[in-house]
Amino acid sequence: MVDNRTVMESGRCTECGAKETDGFSCYELFGFPLVWEHNDPELYALHFWLVSCYMIQHPSNFTEEAYAQLVRLFIEAYDHGWETSYIQKKNRESVINVEKIANPLPNKERRRMYKFWSMTIEDIYLGGEEKAITNLMKWREQMRSELK
């Protein structure tokens, strides 16, 4: 199965390993917490973490330079306990120096490499809206422990 951002093979995302759940691809599962954010300002305040956790697990969507920048921003923000407004400021400052952010190759031509992640968007979706904040905070912690 191919959608806008991910490739699913044998029911799993070829990059993060999330299992197709309730007929939804990895990318489609990502849409659910994005909608849930509109119902919960506390969840919306964690938008950077939701998006960056997902995007870090899907490096084929970015140029190498942009991906490295995202990982650096995630690590610095986590390690220094930055507030969302400061993360946004640092992101704006850093992307000025990145020539291209999105991978210019057509989706079908992108090189995808599987990497095991202990949590994926599947875990956020399965926990549902009522556990989204708790699960997102766990995902953020797991991501940081798995990033070097």
Protein backbone atom coordinates (compact mmCIF):
# COMPACT_ATOMS: atom_id res chain seq x y z
CA MET A 1 0.00 0.00 0.00
CA VAL A 2 1.32 3.47 -0.85
CA ASP A 3 -0.03 6.73 0.53
CA ASN A 4 1.31 10.28 0.59
CA ARG A 5 4.17 9.67 2.99
CA THR A 6 4.66 6.01 3.83
CA VAL A 7 4.90 2.62 2.19
CA MET A 8 3.20 -0.29 3.88
CA GLU A 9 4.34 -3.82 3.04
CA SER A 10 2.83 -6.94 4.56
CA GLY A 11 0.79 -4.69 6.82
CA ARG A 12 3.76 -2.77 8.28
CA CYS A 13 5.39 0.59 7.61
CA THR A 14 8.68 0.01 5.82
CA GLU A 15 10.38 2.70 7.92
CA CYS A 16 9.02 2.67 11.47
CA GLY A 17 7.41 -0.77 11.54
CA ALA A 18 3.99 0.43 12.69
CA LYS A 19 1.33 -2.14 11.94
CA GLU A 20 -1.61 -1.28 9.72
CA THR A 21 -4.39 -0.88 12.26
CA ASP A 22 -8.12 -0.77 11.59
CA GLY A 23 -7.26 -0.54 7.88
CA PHE A 24 -5.17 2.62 8.34
CA SER A 25 -1.61 3.10 7.16
CA CYS A 26 1.04 4.58 9.38
CA TYR A 27 0.50 8.01 7.83
CA GLU A 28 -3.27 7.75 8.25
CA LEU A 29 -2.84 6.77 11.93
CA PHE A 30 -0.83 9.99 12.34
CA GLY A 31 -3.91 11.99 11.34
CA PHE A 32 -5.91 10.90 14.38
CA PRO A 33 -3.88 12.64 17.10
CA LEU A 34 -3.62 15.69 14.85
CA VAL A 35 -7.43 15.87 15.01
CA TRP A 36 -7.48 15.10 18.74
CA GLU A 37 -5.28 18.16 19.31
CA HIS A 38 -8.18 20.37 18.27
CA ASN A 39 -10.26 18.97 21.15
CA ASP A 40 -7.57 19.32 23.81
CA PRO A 41 -5.37 22.42 24.28
CA GLU A 42 -3.00 20.43 26.52
CA LEU A 43 -2.42 17.93 23.74
CA TYR A 44 -2.08 20.71 21.20
CA ALA A 45 0.67 22.24 23.37
CA LEU A 46 2.65 19.06 22.65
CA HIS A 47 2.29 19.36 18.86
CA PHE A 48 6.03 19.68 18.27
CA TRP A 49 6.66 16.40 20.05
CA LEU A 50 3.94 14.55 18.17
CA VAL A 51 5.12 15.74 14.78
CA SER A 52 8.82 15.37 15.45
CA CYS A 53 8.47 11.84 16.88
CA TYR A 54 6.56 10.79 13.79
CA MET A 55 8.84 12.57 11.33
CA ILE A 56 12.06 11.29 12.89
CA GLN A 57 10.77 7.77 12.29
CA HIS A 58 10.23 8.58 8.59
CA PRO A 59 13.51 10.05 7.34
CA SER A 60 12.72 9.38 3.66
CA ASN A 61 10.49 12.47 3.69
CA PHE A 62 13.48 14.78 4.23
CA THR A 63 16.82 15.70 2.77
CA GLU A 64 19.70 14.37 4.87
CA GLU A 65 20.51 17.88 6.07
CA ALA A 66 16.94 18.63 7.13
CA TYR A 67 16.61 15.27 8.88
CA ALA A 68 19.82 15.85 10.85
CA GLN A 69 18.52 19.30 11.80
CA LEU A 70 15.23 17.84 13.06
CA VAL A 71 17.03 15.27 15.19
CA ARG A 72 19.33 17.96 16.64
CA LEU A 73 16.37 20.19 17.45
CA PHE A 74 14.50 17.32 19.11
CA ILE A 75 17.51 16.36 21.25
CA GLU A 76 18.30 19.94 22.28
CA ALA A 77 14.67 20.75 23.07
CA TYR A 78 14.28 17.57 25.13
CA ASP A 79 17.62 17.81 26.93
CA HIS A 80 17.16 21.48 27.82
CA GLY A 81 13.41 21.34 28.59
CA TRP A 82 12.60 24.06 26.09
CA GLU A 83 9.12 25.56 26.02
CA THR A 84 7.14 25.27 22.77
CA SER A 85 7.56 28.94 21.86
CA TYR A 86 11.33 28.65 22.19
CA ILE A 87 11.39 25.43 20.13
CA GLN A 88 9.47 27.23 17.38
CA LYS A 89 11.90 30.16 17.49
CA LYS A 90 14.93 27.86 17.28
CA ASN A 91 13.32 25.93 14.44
CA ARG A 92 12.67 29.12 12.44
CA GLU A 93 16.26 30.21 12.97
CA SER A 94 17.72 26.85 11.95
CA VAL A 95 15.68 26.18 8.81
CA ILE A 96 16.94 29.40 7.25
CA ASN A 97 20.25 27.60 6.74
CA VAL A 98 18.73 24.44 5.24
CA GLU A 99 18.61 24.58 1.46
CA LYS A 100 15.83 22.03 1.04
CA ILE A 101 13.71 20.38 3.71
CA ALA A 102 11.50 17.94 1.82
CA ASN A 103 13.01 15.07 -0.11
CA PRO A 104 12.75 16.14 -3.76
CA LEU A 105 12.53 12.57 -5.04
CA PRO A 106 9.10 11.25 -5.98
CA ASN A 107 7.61 9.06 -3.25
CA LYS A 108 8.14 5.80 -5.18
CA GLU A 109 11.84 6.55 -5.73
CA ARG A 110 12.77 7.31 -2.13
CA ARG A 111 15.12 5.02 -0.31
CA ARG A 112 13.46 3.67 2.81
CA MET A 113 15.26 1.79 5.52
CA TYR A 114 13.52 -0.02 8.33
CA LYS A 115 14.61 0.82 11.85
CA PHE A 116 13.11 -0.74 14.94
CA TRP A 117 11.48 1.80 17.25
CA SER A 118 10.08 0.72 20.61
CA MET A 119 7.05 3.01 20.10
CA THR A 120 5.38 4.30 16.96
CA ILE A 121 2.28 6.22 15.97
CA GLU A 122 0.44 2.90 16.25
CA ASP A 123 0.84 3.07 20.04
CA ILE A 124 -0.59 6.59 20.18
CA TYR A 125 -3.57 5.60 18.04
CA LEU A 126 -4.29 2.41 20.02
CA GLY A 127 -4.27 4.33 23.31
CA GLY A 128 -7.00 6.58 21.98
CA GLU A 129 -7.71 10.21 22.58
CA GLU A 130 -8.11 9.80 26.35
CA LYS A 131 -4.53 8.49 26.73
CA ALA A 132 -2.94 10.59 24.00
CA ILE A 133 -1.00 12.93 26.29
CA THR A 134 0.34 10.14 28.50
CA ASN A 135 1.31 8.03 25.50
CA LEU A 136 2.85 10.96 23.65
CA MET A 137 5.02 11.76 26.66
CA LYS A 138 6.16 8.11 26.76
CA TRP A 139 6.86 8.21 23.03
CA ARG A 140 8.92 11.38 23.45
CA GLU A 141 10.97 9.74 26.22
CA GLN A 142 11.49 6.57 24.21
CA MET A 143 12.52 8.56 21.14
CA ARG A 144 15.10 10.48 23.14
CA SER A 145 16.55 7.29 24.61
CA GLU A 146 16.83 5.78 21.12
CA LEU A 147 18.44 8.83 19.48
CA LYS A 148 22.17 9.24 19.77
